Amino acid sequence: MESNSTLIFIISSFCLGAVLIMMRNSVPEKLKRGMASIAVVMILFAFFLILYSFFNMGSNP
């Protein structure tokens, strides 16, 4: 169950980043910096989760 929620988080964070990049002209100026900061933090955490799962791949029975 834990791997499913991790996978969903990784996919959703990358989708959020992609949507913000594609729709950067239609996002209001007041929200751009905040949403971009949240997306960067989520994507960095997703990369951390990917690396963590690779390092722990062999240790789980």
N, C-alpha and C. Protein backbone atom coordinates (compact mmCIF):
# COMPACT_ATOMS: atom_id res chain seq x y z
N MET A 1 0.82 -1.20 0.00
CA MET A 1 0.00 0.00 0.00
C MET A 1 0.86 1.26 0.00
N GLU A 2 2.00 1.22 0.69
CA GLU A 2 2.86 2.39 0.77
C GLU A 2 3.45 2.74 -0.59
N SER A 3 3.80 1.75 -1.37
CA SER A 3 4.37 2.03 -2.69
C SER A 3 3.34 2.64 -3.63
N ASN A 4 2.08 2.28 -3.48
CA ASN A 4 1.05 2.87 -4.33
C ASN A 4 0.89 4.36 -4.05
N SER A 5 0.87 4.73 -2.77
CA SER A 5 0.72 6.15 -2.44
C SER A 5 1.96 6.94 -2.83
N THR A 6 3.13 6.33 -2.74
CA THR A 6 4.35 7.00 -3.18
C THR A 6 4.32 7.23 -4.68
N LEU A 7 3.90 6.23 -5.43
CA LEU A 7 3.82 6.36 -6.88
C LEU A 7 2.81 7.43 -7.28
N ILE A 8 1.69 7.49 -6.61
CA ILE A 8 0.68 8.51 -6.91
C ILE A 8 1.23 9.90 -6.62
N PHE A 9 1.96 10.06 -5.51
CA PHE A 9 2.55 11.35 -5.19
C PHE A 9 3.57 11.77 -6.24
N ILE A 10 4.41 10.83 -6.67
CA ILE A 10 5.44 11.15 -7.67
C ILE A 10 4.80 11.58 -8.99
N ILE A 11 3.81 10.84 -9.43
CA ILE A 11 3.13 11.19 -10.69
C ILE A 11 2.42 12.53 -10.58
N SER A 12 1.74 12.78 -9.46
CA SER A 12 1.01 14.04 -9.32
C SER A 12 1.94 15.23 -9.20
N SER A 13 3.09 15.07 -8.55
CA SER A 13 4.00 16.21 -8.44
C SER A 13 4.63 16.54 -9.80
N PHE A 14 4.98 15.52 -10.59
CA PHE A 14 5.51 15.80 -11.92
C PHE A 14 4.43 16.39 -12.83
N CYS A 15 3.19 15.94 -12.69
CA CYS A 15 2.10 16.52 -13.48
C CYS A 15 1.85 17.98 -13.10
N LEU A 16 1.93 18.29 -11.80
CA LEU A 16 1.77 19.68 -11.37
C LEU A 16 2.84 20.56 -11.98
N GLY A 17 4.08 20.09 -11.96
CA GLY A 17 5.16 20.86 -12.57
C GLY A 17 4.95 21.05 -14.05
N ALA A 18 4.51 20.01 -14.75
CA ALA A 18 4.27 20.10 -16.20
C ALA A 18 3.13 21.07 -16.50
N VAL A 19 2.07 21.01 -15.73
CA VAL A 19 0.93 21.91 -15.95
C VAL A 19 1.34 23.35 -15.70
N LEU A 20 2.13 23.58 -14.66
CA LEU A 20 2.57 24.96 -14.41
C LEU A 20 3.47 25.48 -15.52
N ILE A 21 4.32 24.62 -16.08
CA ILE A 21 5.18 25.05 -17.18
C ILE A 21 4.34 25.34 -18.43
N MET A 22 3.38 24.46 -18.73
CA MET A 22 2.57 24.66 -19.93
C MET A 22 1.62 25.84 -19.81
N MET A 23 1.11 26.11 -18.63
CA MET A 23 0.11 27.16 -18.45
C MET A 23 0.69 28.40 -17.77
N ARG A 24 1.99 28.65 -17.91
CA ARG A 24 2.63 29.75 -17.19
C ARG A 24 2.10 31.12 -17.59
N ASN A 25 1.56 31.25 -18.77
CA ASN A 25 1.05 32.55 -19.19
C ASN A 25 -0.35 32.85 -18.65
N SER A 26 -1.09 31.82 -18.27
CA SER A 26 -2.46 32.06 -17.81
C SER A 26 -2.59 32.03 -16.28
N VAL A 27 -1.51 31.76 -15.57
CA VAL A 27 -1.54 31.78 -14.11
C VAL A 27 -1.39 33.23 -13.65
N PRO A 28 -2.25 33.68 -12.73
CA PRO A 28 -2.14 35.07 -12.25
C PRO A 28 -0.77 35.33 -11.60
N GLU A 29 -0.30 36.56 -11.72
CA GLU A 29 1.02 36.93 -11.21
C GLU A 29 1.16 36.70 -9.71
N LYS A 30 0.08 36.89 -8.96
CA LYS A 30 0.14 36.73 -7.50
C LYS A 30 0.37 35.27 -7.11
N LEU A 31 -0.06 34.34 -7.94
CA LEU A 31 0.05 32.93 -7.61
C LEU A 31 1.28 32.26 -8.20
N LYS A 32 1.93 32.89 -9.16
CA LYS A 32 3.03 32.24 -9.88
C LYS A 32 4.17 31.82 -8.96
N ARG A 33 4.67 32.73 -8.15
CA ARG A 33 5.83 32.43 -7.31
C ARG A 33 5.50 31.37 -6.26
N GLY A 34 4.35 31.46 -5.63
CA GLY A 34 3.96 30.49 -4.61
C GLY A 34 3.74 29.10 -5.19
N MET A 35 3.04 29.03 -6.30
CA MET A 35 2.79 27.73 -6.92
C MET A 35 4.07 27.12 -7.46
N ALA A 36 4.96 27.94 -8.00
CA ALA A 36 6.23 27.43 -8.50
C ALA A 36 7.09 26.91 -7.35
N SER A 37 7.09 27.60 -6.23
CA SER A 37 7.86 27.14 -5.07
C SER A 37 7.33 25.82 -4.54
N ILE A 38 6.02 25.69 -4.45
CA ILE A 38 5.41 24.45 -3.97
C ILE A 38 5.71 23.32 -4.94
N ALA A 39 5.64 23.59 -6.23
CA ALA A 39 5.92 22.55 -7.23
C ALA A 39 7.38 22.11 -7.17
N VAL A 40 8.31 23.03 -6.97
CA VAL A 40 9.73 22.68 -6.87
C VAL A 40 9.98 21.81 -5.65
N VAL A 41 9.40 22.17 -4.52
CA VAL A 41 9.56 21.36 -3.30
C VAL A 41 8.98 19.97 -3.50
N MET A 42 7.80 19.88 -4.11
CA MET A 42 7.19 18.57 -4.34
C MET A 42 8.02 17.72 -5.30
N ILE A 43 8.56 18.32 -6.36
CA ILE A 43 9.36 17.57 -7.32
C ILE A 43 10.67 17.11 -6.69
N LEU A 44 11.30 17.96 -5.88
CA LEU A 44 12.52 17.54 -5.18
C LEU A 44 12.24 16.39 -4.22
N PHE A 45 11.13 16.45 -3.52
CA PHE A 45 10.77 15.36 -2.61
C PHE A 45 10.45 14.08 -3.40
N ALA A 46 9.85 14.23 -4.57
CA ALA A 46 9.58 13.06 -5.42
C ALA A 46 10.88 12.41 -5.88
N PHE A 47 11.88 13.23 -6.25
CA PHE A 47 13.18 12.68 -6.61
C PHE A 47 13.81 11.94 -5.43
N PHE A 48 13.67 12.51 -4.24
CA PHE A 48 14.18 11.85 -3.05
C PHE A 48 13.49 10.51 -2.84
N LEU A 49 12.18 10.46 -3.03
CA LEU A 49 11.45 9.20 -2.86
C LEU A 49 11.87 8.16 -3.90
N ILE A 50 12.13 8.61 -5.11
CA ILE A 50 12.59 7.68 -6.16
C ILE A 50 13.95 7.10 -5.77
N LEU A 51 14.87 7.95 -5.35
CA LEU A 51 16.19 7.47 -4.95
C LEU A 51 16.11 6.57 -3.73
N TYR A 52 15.28 6.92 -2.78
CA TYR A 52 15.11 6.11 -1.58
C TYR A 52 14.56 4.73 -1.92
N SER A 53 13.61 4.67 -2.85
CA SER A 53 13.05 3.38 -3.23
C SER A 53 14.07 2.53 -3.98
N PHE A 54 14.95 3.17 -4.78
CA PHE A 54 16.01 2.42 -5.46
C PHE A 54 17.01 1.84 -4.47
N PHE A 55 17.38 2.61 -3.46
CA PHE A 55 18.34 2.13 -2.49
C PHE A 55 17.78 1.03 -1.59
N ASN A 56 16.46 1.05 -1.36
CA ASN A 56 15.84 0.04 -0.49
C ASN A 56 15.16 -1.07 -1.28
N MET A 57 15.40 -1.16 -2.56
CA MET A 57 14.73 -2.13 -3.41
C MET A 57 15.06 -3.57 -2.99
N GLY A 58 16.30 -3.86 -2.68
CA GLY A 58 16.69 -5.23 -2.36
C GLY A 58 16.45 -5.61 -0.92
N SER A 59 16.21 -4.65 -0.03
CA SER A 59 16.10 -4.98 1.39
C SER A 59 14.70 -5.42 1.81
N ASN A 60 13.68 -5.10 1.04
CA ASN A 60 12.31 -5.51 1.38
C ASN A 60 12.04 -6.93 0.91
N PRO A 61 11.50 -7.80 1.80
CA PRO A 61 11.23 -9.18 1.38
C PRO A 61 10.03 -9.31 0.47
